Protein backbone atom coordinates (compact mmCIF):
# COMPACT_ATOMS: atom_id res chain seq x y z
CA MET A 1 0.03 -0.15 -0.13
CA ARG A 2 1.13 3.66 -0.68
CA ARG A 3 0.63 7.14 0.77
CA CYS A 4 -3.10 8.03 1.07
CA ALA A 5 -4.90 10.89 2.62
CA VAL A 6 -7.88 9.45 4.63
CA ASP A 7 -11.37 11.10 5.15
CA THR A 8 -12.60 11.08 8.62
CA ASN A 9 -15.63 9.06 7.43
CA VAL A 10 -13.72 5.84 6.93
CA ALA A 11 -12.65 6.00 10.53
CA ILE A 12 -16.11 6.73 11.73
CA VAL A 13 -17.50 3.98 9.53
CA ALA A 14 -14.94 1.60 11.19
CA ASN A 15 -16.36 2.68 14.31
CA GLY A 16 -19.59 1.38 13.28
CA GLN A 17 -21.13 4.89 12.88
CA CYS A 18 -21.99 7.14 9.95
CA ASP A 19 -21.01 11.01 9.94
CA ALA A 20 -23.47 13.67 10.52
CA LYS A 21 -24.51 13.65 6.88
CA GLN A 22 -25.90 10.22 7.39
CA LYS A 23 -26.88 10.31 11.05
CA ASP A 24 -30.02 8.34 10.57
CA LYS A 25 -28.25 5.31 8.91
CA ALA A 26 -26.02 2.85 10.08
CA PRO A 27 -22.95 1.34 7.79
CA SER A 28 -23.72 -2.09 6.36
CA ALA A 29 -21.31 -4.79 7.83
CA ILE A 30 -19.59 -5.23 4.51
CA CYS A 31 -18.91 -1.51 4.46
CA ARG A 32 -17.80 -1.31 8.29
CA LEU A 33 -15.32 -4.57 7.54
CA ALA A 34 -14.11 -2.97 4.64
CA ALA A 35 -13.24 0.40 6.39
CA ILE A 36 -11.64 -1.71 9.24
CA GLU A 37 -9.49 -3.66 6.78
CA PHE A 38 -8.44 -0.67 4.97
CA LEU A 39 -7.30 1.22 7.95
CA GLU A 40 -5.48 -1.77 9.53
CA ASN A 41 -3.67 -2.45 6.03
CA LEU A 42 -2.78 1.33 5.95
CA LEU A 43 -1.22 1.45 9.39
CA LYS A 44 0.85 -1.78 8.64
CA LYS A 45 2.03 -1.03 5.05
CA GLY A 46 1.24 2.37 4.25
CA ARG A 47 1.73 5.85 5.24
CA ILE A 48 -1.13 8.42 6.34
CA VAL A 49 -0.76 11.99 4.92
CA LEU A 50 -1.82 14.94 7.05
CA ASP A 51 -1.30 18.71 6.73
CA VAL A 52 1.27 20.30 8.80
CA ALA A 53 -1.27 23.00 9.91
CA GLY A 54 -3.25 20.45 11.64
CA ASP A 55 -6.65 20.71 9.93
CA ILE A 56 -7.08 17.30 9.20
CA GLN A 57 -5.93 16.01 12.63
CA ALA A 58 -8.24 18.37 14.26
CA GLU A 59 -11.20 16.98 12.26
CA TYR A 60 -10.26 13.53 13.36
CA HIS A 61 -10.19 14.80 17.04
CA ARG A 62 -13.70 16.20 16.63
CA HIS A 63 -14.95 12.93 15.52
CA LEU A 64 -12.70 10.37 17.00
CA SER A 65 -11.40 9.30 20.45
CA PRO A 66 -7.54 10.00 20.96
CA ARG A 67 -7.74 7.24 24.02
CA GLY A 68 -7.91 4.92 20.79
CA GLN A 69 -11.15 3.23 21.95
CA PRO A 70 -13.74 1.90 21.92
CA GLY A 71 -13.45 1.60 18.02
CA VAL A 72 -11.14 0.63 15.39
CA GLY A 73 -11.57 4.33 13.83
CA ASP A 74 -10.60 5.48 17.34
CA ARG A 75 -7.72 2.99 17.44
CA PHE A 76 -6.48 4.55 13.98
CA TYR A 77 -6.45 7.95 15.21
CA LEU A 78 -4.43 6.89 18.33
CA GLU A 79 -1.95 5.29 15.97
CA VAL A 80 -1.81 8.75 13.75
CA LEU A 81 -1.13 10.50 17.19
CA ASN A 82 1.59 8.12 18.24
CA SER A 83 3.24 6.92 15.26
CA ALA A 84 4.64 9.97 13.67
CA PRO A 85 7.01 10.08 11.71
CA LYS A 86 6.86 6.19 11.33
CA ARG A 87 3.50 6.00 9.48
CA VAL A 88 2.78 9.56 9.05
CA ASP A 89 3.76 12.32 6.43
CA ARG A 90 2.91 15.69 7.35
CA VAL A 91 3.01 18.28 4.06
CA ASP A 92 2.54 21.88 3.78
CA LEU A 93 -1.16 22.75 2.48
CA PRO A 94 -1.17 26.27 1.68
CA LYS A 95 -4.16 28.50 2.12
CA ASN A 96 -5.34 31.53 0.10
CA PRO A 97 -6.05 34.69 2.14
CA ASP A 98 -9.74 33.62 2.17
CA GLY A 99 -9.00 30.51 3.94
CA SER A 100 -9.54 28.12 1.01
CA TYR A 101 -6.91 25.65 -0.07
CA GLN A 102 -4.59 26.64 -2.81
CA HIS A 103 -4.34 23.22 -4.28
CA PHE A 104 -8.13 22.54 -4.24
CA PRO A 105 -9.24 22.76 -8.08
CA ASP A 106 -10.90 26.14 -8.99
CA ALA A 107 -13.47 24.51 -11.25
CA PRO A 108 -17.25 25.26 -11.52
CA GLU A 109 -18.36 21.81 -11.24
CA LEU A 110 -16.66 21.43 -7.63
CA GLU A 111 -18.42 24.87 -6.18
CA LYS A 112 -20.76 22.73 -4.38
CA PHE A 113 -18.55 20.09 -3.07
CA ASP A 114 -18.34 19.90 0.66
CA PRO A 115 -16.21 22.48 2.18
CA SER A 116 -15.10 20.41 5.05
CA ASP A 117 -13.94 17.82 2.50
CA ARG A 118 -11.79 20.20 0.52
CA LYS A 119 -8.71 19.75 2.71
CA PHE A 120 -8.52 15.99 1.82
CA ALA A 121 -9.08 16.85 -1.72
CA ALA A 122 -6.40 19.58 -1.95
CA LEU A 123 -3.85 17.35 -0.30
CA ALA A 124 -4.51 14.43 -2.27
CA ARG A 125 -4.12 16.73 -5.56
CA LYS A 126 -1.15 18.47 -4.07
CA GLN A 127 0.63 15.02 -3.15
CA LYS A 128 -0.61 13.06 -6.18
CA ILE A 129 -2.26 10.42 -3.99
CA PRO A 130 -5.64 9.14 -3.41
CA VAL A 131 -8.14 10.03 -0.74
CA ALA A 132 -9.96 7.26 0.90
CA ASN A 133 -13.79 7.57 1.22
CA ALA A 134 -16.06 4.93 2.97
CA CYS A 135 -19.60 6.33 2.47
CA ASP A 136 -19.67 10.22 1.87
CA SER A 137 -21.79 10.61 -1.25
CA ASP A 138 -20.40 13.79 -2.16
CA TRP A 139 -16.98 12.14 -3.28
CA LEU A 140 -19.20 9.81 -5.50
CA ASP A 141 -21.46 12.79 -6.77
CA HIS A 142 -18.25 14.83 -7.75
CA ARG A 143 -16.10 11.94 -8.74
CA ALA A 144 -15.64 12.67 -12.53
CA ALA A 145 -15.15 16.41 -11.66
CA LEU A 146 -12.47 15.57 -9.00
CA GLU A 147 -10.74 12.93 -11.37
CA VAL A 148 -10.54 15.29 -14.12
CA ASN A 149 -8.95 17.83 -11.67
CA GLY A 150 -6.48 15.74 -10.61
CA VAL A 151 -8.12 14.19 -7.35
CA ALA A 152 -8.13 10.56 -7.20
CA VAL A 153 -10.69 8.99 -4.82
CA HIS A 154 -10.42 5.31 -3.29
CA PHE A 155 -13.82 4.10 -2.56
CA VAL A 156 -13.33 1.86 0.20
CA CYS A 157 -16.78 0.52 0.45
CA GLY A 158 -17.20 0.74 -3.31
CA CYS A 159 -19.45 2.96 -5.57
CA ASP A 160 -22.78 1.31 -5.25
CA ARG A 161 -24.67 3.64 -2.41
CA LYS A 162 -26.98 0.58 -1.54
CA GLY A 163 -24.33 -1.38 -0.20
CA TRP A 164 -22.95 1.45 2.28
CA PHE A 165 -25.78 1.17 4.65
CA VAL A 166 -27.96 -1.15 6.48
CA PRO A 167 -31.26 -1.40 4.52
């Protein structure tokens, strides 16, 4: 496995939950298992890429427990905190004066892309690495525009939304 940016929703799904956008849903067992396996494999064989300023780590902190429990996503966050520089690369992710990320594509088709996910897209684009997503539909809805603009997305739970959640 290589270097990767990891959207917070991957760790949240590994914990058996969904992020605020899908708060009334639960991840399917298949999606949760895929998220767990992805994070474990990344921790063993890959490198997690974060921004030096700490925007991504701050988001992890808002949604995950730094104690590393009770979920696998929480353990992932604890490993991120404890393993630098062994498994974590921190890179500069410059911002424009308005606070937007310089490396986020300036494309009209991405105007409605979730502002909270732009840091992951900008980082992935700058570093030429994929960003991992579990079940955030914004990544799927904007997949073509992201790819055209140099942002590769790894869909941990696949691209079929029907398989993401418990029916």
